[in-house]
C-alpha cells in the first residue's frame, strides 16, 4: 500500500492525508439505467478507495483484479454518514458519474452512457 501512495504522489504531486477503503467487492453487474435490464455480470475482485488531499481534493480509485484502474475526481464534498457515501464525480475522460454506497453495495451511474454499475460483496 505504501508503494501505491508513493506512485500516487509521483503522479499527482500530492500525498493523500487520509485514505478510506470503500469496499472490496467480488461481483460486478451492469444495468441499463432506463430499463433496469441486466446487461452483464462479472465475478472480478474490485477494490474501491477514496483519498483526501491537502488541497481539499477527493479522488476515488477503482482497482480491478486484472490490474486495470479507474480514477474519478469528486466535484463536490462527499456526503458520508456511517456506511453511506454519495458523491458526484468526473472521470478521467471528462464524463460525469454519480457514486452511491451503502452497507450492501456500491452503485456507479454514468448519465451519458446510461449505464449503472453495481458492485456487490
Foldseek 3Di string as FASTA:
>chain_A
DVVVQVVVCVVPVWGFPDKDWLDWFQKKWKAQQVPRDTDDMDGWIWIWMWTATPVRKIKIWIAIPVGDIWIWTFPDPWDDDDSWIWTWTATPVRFIWIWITHPFWIWIAGPVVRMIMITGD
